[in-house]
Amino acid sequence: MIQNAALKQPSVRVNLAAKKKLDQIQAQTDLSQPALLDRAIDLLDLEMRSKQFSQDMADLVSQPKVLREYHRIAATFDGASADGLDKK
């Protein structure tokens, strides 16, 4: 019998130490291992995006002329929203 590729669950190899930690976390929660892995991947993605954002902001701050232009554009958009909220 040939399995439909779309129905087949993907396999991921992990080392024994990671598997043991996964088992321990699962025992402490009501989450399945695939749900825990999904959460871990989402958290790692968030961490990577946060680090990239921090680096981008550091690059922006290191260029005063570009930073002034950023603030000018941001002020234009803040004014265009006309919501009366001060974004300071």
PDB file of N, CA and C in Angstrom:
ATOM      1  N   MET A   1       0.839  -1.176   0.000  1.00  0.00           N
ATOM      2  CA  MET A   1       0.000   0.000   0.000  1.00  0.00           C
ATOM      3  C   MET A   1       0.886   1.241   0.000  1.00  0.00           C
ATOM      4  N   ILE A   2       0.662   2.150  -0.934  1.00  0.00           N
ATOM      5  CA  ILE A   2       1.446   3.379  -1.048  1.00  0.00           C
ATOM      6  C   ILE A   2       0.761   4.476  -0.255  1.00  0.00           C
ATOM      7  N   GLN A   3       1.531   5.125   0.645  1.00  0.00           N
ATOM      8  CA  GLN A   3       0.981   6.206   1.461  1.00  0.00           C
ATOM      9  C   GLN A   3       1.004   7.508   0.679  1.00  0.00           C
ATOM     10  N   ASN A   4      -0.023   8.287   0.856  1.00  0.00           N
ATOM     11  CA  ASN A   4      -0.077   9.612   0.267  1.00  0.00           C
ATOM     12  C   ASN A   4       0.952  10.481   0.998  1.00  0.00           C
ATOM     13  N   ALA A   5       1.832  11.138   0.232  1.00  0.00           N
ATOM     14  CA  ALA A   5       2.892  11.945   0.834  1.00  0.00           C
ATOM     15  C   ALA A   5       2.328  13.062   1.705  1.00  0.00           C
ATOM     16  N   ALA A   6       1.167  13.591   1.354  1.00  0.00           N
ATOM     17  CA  ALA A   6       0.576  14.678   2.135  1.00  0.00           C
ATOM     18  C   ALA A   6       0.069  14.188   3.488  1.00  0.00           C
ATOM     19  N   LEU A   7      -0.259  12.914   3.610  1.00  0.00           N
ATOM     20  CA  LEU A   7      -0.776  12.366   4.859  1.00  0.00           C
ATOM     21  C   LEU A   7       0.323  11.839   5.769  1.00  0.00           C
ATOM     22  N   LYS A   8       1.487  11.609   5.215  1.00  0.00           N
ATOM     23  CA  LYS A   8       2.604  11.064   5.984  1.00  0.00           C
ATOM     24  C   LYS A   8       3.173  12.128   6.926  1.00  0.00           C
ATOM     25  N   GLN A   9       3.387  11.748   8.162  1.00  0.00           N
ATOM     26  CA  GLN A   9       3.965  12.660   9.140  1.00  0.00           C
ATOM     27  C   GLN A   9       5.462  12.786   8.878  1.00  0.00           C
ATOM     28  N   PRO A  10       5.993  14.006   8.936  1.00  0.00           N
ATOM     29  CA  PRO A  10       7.430  14.183   8.746  1.00  0.00           C
ATOM     30  C   PRO A  10       8.204  13.624   9.935  1.00  0.00           C
ATOM     31  N   SER A  11       9.403  13.190   9.664  1.00  0.00           N
ATOM     32  CA  SER A  11      10.274  12.679  10.725  1.00  0.00           C
ATOM     33  C   SER A  11      11.444  13.633  10.919  1.00  0.00           C
ATOM     34  N   VAL A  12      11.811  13.816  12.172  1.00  0.00           N
ATOM     35  CA  VAL A  12      12.950  14.654  12.512  1.00  0.00           C
ATOM     36  C   VAL A  12      13.800  13.880  13.499  1.00  0.00           C
ATOM     37  N   ARG A  13      15.087  13.827  13.248  1.00  0.00           N
ATOM     38  CA  ARG A  13      15.995  13.142  14.174  1.00  0.00           C
ATOM     39  C   ARG A  13      16.495  14.122  15.221  1.00  0.00           C
ATOM     40  N   VAL A  14      16.521  13.677  16.458  1.00  0.00           N
ATOM     41  CA  VAL A  14      17.090  14.462  17.554  1.00  0.00           C
ATOM     42  C   VAL A  14      18.043  13.564  18.326  1.00  0.00           C
ATOM     43  N   ASN A  15      19.016  14.192  18.979  1.00  0.00           N
ATOM     44  CA  ASN A  15      19.938  13.377  19.767  1.00  0.00           C
ATOM     45  C   ASN A  15      19.237  12.902  21.041  1.00  0.00           C
ATOM     46  N   LEU A  16      19.856  11.959  21.714  1.00  0.00           N
ATOM     47  CA  LEU A  16      19.220  11.364  22.896  1.00  0.00           C
ATOM     48  C   LEU A  16      18.998  12.365  24.025  1.00  0.00           C
ATOM     49  N   ALA A  17      19.922  13.298  24.196  1.00  0.00           N
ATOM     50  CA  ALA A  17      19.766  14.298  25.254  1.00  0.00           C
ATOM     51  C   ALA A  17      18.558  15.188  24.972  1.00  0.00           C
ATOM     52  N   ALA A  18      18.377  15.586  23.720  1.00  0.00           N
ATOM     53  CA  ALA A  18      17.224  16.414  23.356  1.00  0.00           C
ATOM     54  C   ALA A  18      15.929  15.633  23.534  1.00  0.00           C
ATOM     55  N   LYS A  19      15.941  14.361  23.169  1.00  0.00           N
ATOM     56  CA  LYS A  19      14.750  13.517  23.320  1.00  0.00           C
ATOM     57  C   LYS A  19      14.384  13.366  24.795  1.00  0.00           C
ATOM     58  N   LYS A  20      15.396  13.213  25.645  1.00  0.00           N
ATOM     59  CA  LYS A  20      15.141  13.088  27.080  1.00  0.00           C
ATOM     60  C   LYS A  20      14.518  14.367  27.625  1.00  0.00           C
ATOM     61  N   LYS A  21      15.040  15.529  27.211  1.00  0.00           N
ATOM     62  CA  LYS A  21      14.469  16.807  27.646  1.00  0.00           C
ATOM     63  C   LYS A  21      13.037  16.949  27.145  1.00  0.00           C
ATOM     64  N   LEU A  22      12.806  16.549  25.898  1.00  0.00           N
ATOM     65  CA  LEU A  22      11.460  16.616  25.327  1.00  0.00           C
ATOM     66  C   LEU A  22      10.495  15.741  26.117  1.00  0.00           C
ATOM     67  N   ASP A  23      10.941  14.552  26.479  1.00  0.00           N
ATOM     68  CA  ASP A  23      10.114  13.649  27.293  1.00  0.00           C
ATOM     69  C   ASP A  23       9.791  14.276  28.656  1.00  0.00           C
ATOM     70  N   GLN A  24      10.794  14.920  29.272  1.00  0.00           N
ATOM     71  CA  GLN A  24      10.598  15.549  30.580  1.00  0.00           C
ATOM     72  C   GLN A  24       9.611  16.711  30.497  1.00  0.00           C
ATOM     73  N   ILE A  25       9.757  17.524  29.464  1.00  0.00           N
ATOM     74  CA  ILE A  25       8.850  18.659  29.298  1.00  0.00           C
ATOM     75  C   ILE A  25       7.434  18.166  29.029  1.00  0.00           C
ATOM     76  N   GLN A  26       7.317  17.131  28.214  1.00  0.00           N
ATOM     77  CA  GLN A  26       5.996  16.588  27.928  1.00  0.00           C
ATOM     78  C   GLN A  26       5.349  16.060  29.209  1.00  0.00           C
ATOM     79  N   ALA A  27       6.132  15.426  30.067  1.00  0.00           N
ATOM     80  CA  ALA A  27       5.599  14.893  31.323  1.00  0.00           C
ATOM     81  C   ALA A  27       5.101  16.008  32.243  1.00  0.00           C
ATOM     82  N   GLN A  28       5.667  17.203  32.104  1.00  0.00           N
ATOM     83  CA  GLN A  28       5.285  18.334  32.952  1.00  0.00           C
ATOM     84  C   GLN A  28       4.151  19.163  32.366  1.00  0.00           C
ATOM     85  N   THR A  29       3.796  18.879  31.134  1.00  0.00           N
ATOM     86  CA  THR A  29       2.726  19.634  30.467  1.00  0.00           C
ATOM     87  C   THR A  29       1.708  18.659  29.893  1.00  0.00           C
ATOM     88  N   ASP A  30       0.651  19.210  29.383  1.00  0.00           N
ATOM     89  CA  ASP A  30      -0.351  18.386  28.700  1.00  0.00           C
ATOM     90  C   ASP A  30      -0.186  18.482  27.186  1.00  0.00           C
ATOM     91  N   LEU A  31       0.975  18.917  26.739  1.00  0.00           N
ATOM     92  CA  LEU A  31       1.204  19.111  25.308  1.00  0.00           C
ATOM     93  C   LEU A  31       1.864  17.893  24.683  1.00  0.00           C
ATOM     94  N   SER A  32       1.520  17.634  23.438  1.00  0.00           N
ATOM     95  CA  SER A  32       2.157  16.537  22.705  1.00  0.00           C
ATOM     96  C   SER A  32       3.562  16.959  22.297  1.00  0.00           C
ATOM     97  N   GLN A  33       4.379  15.989  21.957  1.00  0.00           N
ATOM     98  CA  GLN A  33       5.732  16.318  21.519  1.00  0.00           C
ATOM     99  C   GLN A  33       5.713  17.158  20.241  1.00  0.00           C
ATOM    100  N   PRO A  34       4.871  16.856  19.245  1.00  0.00           N
ATOM    101  CA  PRO A  34       4.825  17.735  18.078  1.00  0.00           C
ATOM    102  C   PRO A  34       4.414  19.170  18.450  1.00  0.00           C
ATOM    103  N   ALA A  35       3.491  19.326  19.393  1.00  0.00           N
ATOM    104  CA  ALA A  35       3.086  20.666  19.826  1.00  0.00           C
ATOM    105  C   ALA A  35       4.244  21.385  20.520  1.00  0.00           C
ATOM    106  N   LEU A  36       5.000  20.656  21.331  1.00  0.00           N
ATOM    107  CA  LEU A  36       6.168  21.244  22.001  1.00  0.00           C
ATOM    108  C   LEU A  36       7.223  21.668  20.983  1.00  0.00           C
ATOM    109  N   LEU A  37       7.453  20.840  19.986  1.00  0.00           N
ATOM    110  CA  LEU A  37       8.431  21.176  18.957  1.00  0.00           C
ATOM    111  C   LEU A  37       7.968  22.378  18.136  1.00  0.00           C
ATOM    112  N   ASP A  38       6.673  22.443  17.837  1.00  0.00           N
ATOM    113  CA  ASP A  38       6.130  23.606  17.133  1.00  0.00           C
ATOM    114  C   ASP A  38       6.380  24.873  17.935  1.00  0.00           C
ATOM    115  N   ARG A  39       6.131  24.802  19.238  1.00  0.00           N
ATOM    116  CA  ARG A  39       6.337  25.957  20.123  1.00  0.00           C
ATOM    117  C   ARG A  39       7.814  26.354  20.170  1.00  0.00           C
ATOM    118  N   ALA A  40       8.684  25.366  20.261  1.00  0.00           N
ATOM    119  CA  ALA A  40      10.124  25.638  20.293  1.00  0.00           C
ATOM    120  C   ALA A  40      10.577  26.317  19.007  1.00  0.00           C
ATOM    121  N   ILE A  41      10.058  25.860  17.889  1.00  0.00           N
ATOM    122  CA  ILE A  41      10.414  26.459  16.603  1.00  0.00           C
ATOM    123  C   ILE A  41       9.902  27.894  16.531  1.00  0.00           C
ATOM    124  N   ASP A  42       8.669  28.128  16.992  1.00  0.00           N
ATOM    125  CA  ASP A  42       8.122  29.483  16.999  1.00  0.00           C
ATOM    126  C   ASP A  42       8.958  30.409  17.882  1.00  0.00           C
ATOM    127  N   LEU A  43       9.385  29.918  19.046  1.00  0.00           N
ATOM    128  CA  LEU A  43      10.209  30.730  19.948  1.00  0.00           C
ATOM    129  C   LEU A  43      11.580  31.022  19.344  1.00  0.00           C
ATOM    130  N   LEU A  44      12.170  30.050  18.681  1.00  0.00           N
ATOM    131  CA  LEU A  44      13.462  30.265  18.037  1.00  0.00           C
ATOM    132  C   LEU A  44      13.321  31.275  16.901  1.00  0.00           C
ATOM    133  N   ASP A  45      12.250  31.174  16.135  1.00  0.00           N
ATOM    134  CA  ASP A  45      11.999  32.131  15.062  1.00  0.00           C
ATOM    135  C   ASP A  45      11.855  33.542  15.625  1.00  0.00           C
ATOM    136  N   LEU A  46      11.098  33.680  16.720  1.00  0.00           N
ATOM    137  CA  LEU A  46      10.926  34.973  17.371  1.00  0.00           C
ATOM    138  C   LEU A  46      12.259  35.522  17.872  1.00  0.00           C
ATOM    139  N   GLU A  47      13.069  34.662  18.473  1.00  0.00           N
ATOM    140  CA  GLU A  47      14.384  35.080  18.962  1.00  0.00           C
ATOM    141  C   GLU A  47      15.258  35.586  17.816  1.00  0.00           C
ATOM    142  N   MET A  48      15.252  34.867  16.709  1.00  0.00           N
ATOM    143  CA  MET A  48      16.069  35.271  15.559  1.00  0.00           C
ATOM    144  C   MET A  48      15.586  36.606  14.982  1.00  0.00           C
ATOM    145  N   ARG A  49      14.269  36.786  14.892  1.00  0.00           N
ATOM    146  CA  ARG A  49      13.729  38.052  14.379  1.00  0.00           C
ATOM    147  C   ARG A  49      14.055  39.199  15.327  1.00  0.00           C
ATOM    148  N   SER A  50      13.991  38.944  16.624  1.00  0.00           N
ATOM    149  CA  SER A  50      14.311  39.962  17.615  1.00  0.00           C
ATOM    150  C   SER A  50      15.775  40.386  17.510  1.00  0.00           C
ATOM    151  N   LYS A  51      16.660  39.421  17.363  1.00  0.00           N
ATOM    152  CA  LYS A  51      18.087  39.739  17.216  1.00  0.00           C
ATOM    153  C   LYS A  51      18.329  40.540  15.942  1.00  0.00           C
ATOM    154  N   GLN A  52      17.645  40.178  14.851  1.00  0.00           N
ATOM    155  CA  GLN A  52      17.802  40.919  13.601  1.00  0.00           C
ATOM    156  C   GLN A  52      17.291  42.342  13.752  1.00  0.00           C
ATOM    157  N   PHE A  53      16.146  42.511  14.426  1.00  0.00           N
ATOM    158  CA  PHE A  53      15.595  43.843  14.662  1.00  0.00           C
ATOM    159  C   PHE A  53      16.572  44.680  15.490  1.00  0.00           C
ATOM    160  N   SER A  54      17.126  44.096  16.537  1.00  0.00           N
ATOM    161  CA  SER A  54      18.090  44.812  17.381  1.00  0.00           C
ATOM    162  C   SER A  54      19.306  45.242  16.578  1.00  0.00           C
ATOM    163  N   GLN A  55      19.789  44.356  15.715  1.00  0.00           N
ATOM    164  CA  GLN A  55      20.940  44.700  14.883  1.00  0.00           C
ATOM    165  C   GLN A  55      20.582  45.804  13.894  1.00  0.00           C
ATOM    166  N   ASP A  56      19.400  45.712  13.302  1.00  0.00           N
ATOM    167  CA  ASP A  56      18.956  46.749  12.365  1.00  0.00           C
ATOM    168  C   ASP A  56      18.842  48.104  13.055  1.00  0.00           C
ATOM    169  N   MET A  57      18.311  48.118  14.275  1.00  0.00           N
ATOM    170  CA  MET A  57      18.192  49.378  15.012  1.00  0.00           C
ATOM    171  C   MET A  57      19.564  49.926  15.396  1.00  0.00           C
ATOM    172  N   ALA A  58      20.486  49.052  15.772  1.00  0.00           N
ATOM    173  CA  ALA A  58      21.845  49.496  16.092  1.00  0.00           C
ATOM    174  C   ALA A  58      22.504  50.101  14.852  1.00  0.00           C
ATOM    175  N   ASP A  59      22.288  49.487  13.708  1.00  0.00           N
ATOM    176  CA  ASP A  59      22.830  50.028  12.456  1.00  0.00           C
ATOM    177  C   ASP A  59      22.224  51.395  12.157  1.00  0.00           C
ATOM    178  N   LEU A  60      20.912  51.528  12.383  1.00  0.00           N
ATOM    179  CA  LEU A  60      20.228  52.791  12.143  1.00  0.00           C
ATOM    180  C   LEU A  60      20.764  53.884  13.067  1.00  0.00           C
ATOM    181  N   VAL A  61      20.896  53.576  14.332  1.00  0.00           N
ATOM    182  CA  VAL A  61      21.372  54.559  15.307  1.00  0.00           C
ATOM    183  C   VAL A  61      22.812  54.993  15.013  1.00  0.00           C
ATOM    184  N   SER A  62      23.590  54.113  14.422  1.00  0.00           N
ATOM    185  CA  SER A  62      24.991  54.441  14.126  1.00  0.00           C
ATOM    186  C   SER A  62      25.134  55.370  12.922  1.00  0.00           C
ATOM    187  N   GLN A  63      24.023  55.678  12.255  1.00  0.00           N
ATOM    188  CA  GLN A  63      24.046  56.563  11.085  1.00  0.00           C
ATOM    189  C   GLN A  63      23.109  57.747  11.340  1.00  0.00           C
ATOM    190  N   PRO A  64      23.623  58.820  11.950  1.00  0.00           N
ATOM    191  CA  PRO A  64      22.765  59.945  12.353  1.00  0.00           C
ATOM    192  C   PRO A  64      21.914  60.524  11.210  1.00  0.00           C
ATOM    193  N   LYS A  65      22.463  60.641  10.029  1.00  0.00           N
ATOM    194  CA  LYS A  65      21.703  61.205   8.907  1.00  0.00           C
ATOM    195  C   LYS A  65      20.513  60.302   8.555  1.00  0.00           C
ATOM    196  N   VAL A  66      20.754  59.017   8.505  1.00  0.00           N
ATOM    197  CA  VAL A  66      19.689  58.061   8.197  1.00  0.00           C
ATOM    198  C   VAL A  66      18.673  58.033   9.327  1.00  0.00           C
ATOM    199  N   LEU A  67      19.142  58.136  10.578  1.00  0.00           N
ATOM    200  CA  LEU A  67      18.242  58.149  11.733  1.00  0.00           C
ATOM    201  C   LEU A  67      17.319  59.366  11.695  1.00  0.00           C
ATOM    202  N   ARG A  68      17.872  60.535  11.336  1.00  0.00           N
ATOM    203  CA  ARG A  68      17.037  61.738  11.216  1.00  0.00           C
ATOM    204  C   ARG A  68      15.950  61.536  10.155  1.00  0.00           C
ATOM    205  N   GLU A  69      16.318  60.929   9.042  1.00  0.00           N
ATOM    206  CA  GLU A  69      15.345  60.671   7.974  1.00  0.00           C
ATOM    207  C   GLU A  69      14.274  59.694   8.456  1.00  0.00           C
ATOM    208  N   TYR A  70      14.678  58.695   9.202  1.00  0.00           N
ATOM    209  CA  TYR A  70      13.719  57.742   9.779  1.00  0.00           C
ATOM    210  C   TYR A  70      12.719  58.474  10.677  1.00  0.00           C
ATOM    211  N   HIS A  71      13.229  59.354  11.544  1.00  0.00           N
ATOM    212  CA  HIS A  71      12.356  60.107  12.451  1.00  0.00           C
ATOM    213  C   HIS A  71      11.431  61.043  11.667  1.00  0.00           C
ATOM    214  N   ARG A  72      11.933  61.632  10.581  1.00  0.00           N
ATOM    215  CA  ARG A  72      11.104  62.513   9.755  1.00  0.00           C
ATOM    216  C   ARG A  72       9.950  61.724   9.146  1.00  0.00           C
ATOM    217  N   ILE A  73      10.262  60.562   8.607  1.00  0.00           N
ATOM    218  CA  ILE A  73       9.224  59.721   7.992  1.00  0.00           C
ATOM    219  C   ILE A  73       8.238  59.236   9.050  1.00  0.00           C
ATOM    220  N   ALA A  74       8.750  58.823  10.204  1.00  0.00           N
ATOM    221  CA  ALA A  74       7.874  58.354  11.284  1.00  0.00           C
ATOM    222  C   ALA A  74       6.938  59.466  11.733  1.00  0.00           C
ATOM    223  N   ALA A  75       7.454  60.699  11.840  1.00  0.00           N
ATOM    224  CA  ALA A  75       6.615  61.832  12.249  1.00  0.00           C
ATOM    225  C   ALA A  75       5.533  62.092  11.213  1.00  0.00           C
ATOM    226  N   THR A  76       5.870  61.947   9.944  1.00  0.00           N
ATOM    227  CA  THR A  76       4.880  62.132   8.881  1.00  0.00           C
ATOM    228  C   THR A  76       3.756  61.127   9.022  1.00  0.00           C
ATOM    229  N   PHE A  77       4.097  59.872   9.242  1.00  0.00           N
ATOM    230  CA  PHE A  77       3.070  58.841   9.402  1.00  0.00           C
ATOM    231  C   PHE A  77       2.265  59.038  10.685  1.00  0.00           C
ATOM    232  N   ASP A  78       2.939  59.437  11.761  1.00  0.00           N
ATOM    233  CA  ASP A  78       2.223  59.704  13.012  1.00  0.00           C
ATOM    234  C   ASP A  78       1.220  60.837  12.821  1.00  0.00           C
ATOM    235  N   GLY A  79       1.621  61.886  12.104  1.00  0.00           N
ATOM    236  CA  GLY A  79       0.724  62.998  11.833  1.00  0.00           C
ATOM    237  C   GLY A  79      -0.402  62.616  10.914  1.00  0.00           C
ATOM    238  N   ALA A  80      -0.114  61.746   9.966  1.00  0.00           N
ATOM    239  CA  ALA A  80      -1.128  61.329   8.987  1.00  0.00           C
ATOM    240  C   ALA A  80      -2.212  60.465   9.626  1.00  0.00           C
ATOM    241  N   SER A  81      -1.876  59.819  10.715  1.00  0.00           N
ATOM    242  CA  SER A  81      -2.882  58.954  11.355  1.00  0.00           C
ATOM    243  C   SER A  81      -3.997  59.772  11.988  1.00  0.00           C
ATOM    244  N   ALA A  82      -3.676  60.995  12.395  1.00  0.00           N
ATOM    245  CA  ALA A  82      -4.637  61.943  12.964  1.00  0.00           C
ATOM    246  C   ALA A  82      -5.486  61.322  14.069  1.00  0.00           C
ATOM    247  N   ASP A  83      -4.875  60.446  14.840  1.00  0.00           N
ATOM    248  CA  ASP A  83      -5.634  59.821  15.931  1.00  0.00           C
ATOM    249  C   ASP A  83      -5.476  60.579  17.243  1.00  0.00           C
ATOM    250  N   GLY A  84      -4.639  61.606  17.249  1.00  0.00           N
ATOM    251  CA  GLY A  84      -4.472  62.420  18.441  1.00  0.00           C
ATOM    252  C   GLY A  84      -3.579  61.801  19.504  1.00  0.00           C
ATOM    253  N   LEU A  85      -3.007  60.636  19.221  1.00  0.00           N
ATOM    254  CA  LEU A  85      -2.140  59.981  20.204  1.00  0.00           C
ATOM    255  C   LEU A  85      -0.691  60.378  19.958  1.00  0.00           C
ATOM    256  N   ASP A  86      -0.010  60.761  20.998  1.00  0.00           N
ATOM    257  CA  ASP A  86       1.405  61.113  20.905  1.00  0.00           C
ATOM    258  C   ASP A  86       2.210  59.844  21.081  1.00  0.00           C
ATOM    259  N   LYS A  87       3.079  59.537  20.156  1.00  0.00           N
ATOM    260  CA  LYS A  87       3.827  58.266  20.147  1.00  0.00           C
ATOM    261  C   LYS A  87       5.141  58.343  20.918  1.00  0.00           C
ATOM    262  N   LYS A  88       5.303  59.322  21.810  1.00  0.00           N
ATOM    263  CA  LYS A  88       6.568  59.482  22.550  1.00  0.00           C
ATOM    264  C   LYS A  88       6.672  58.533  23.694  1.00  0.00           C
TER     265      LYS A  88
END
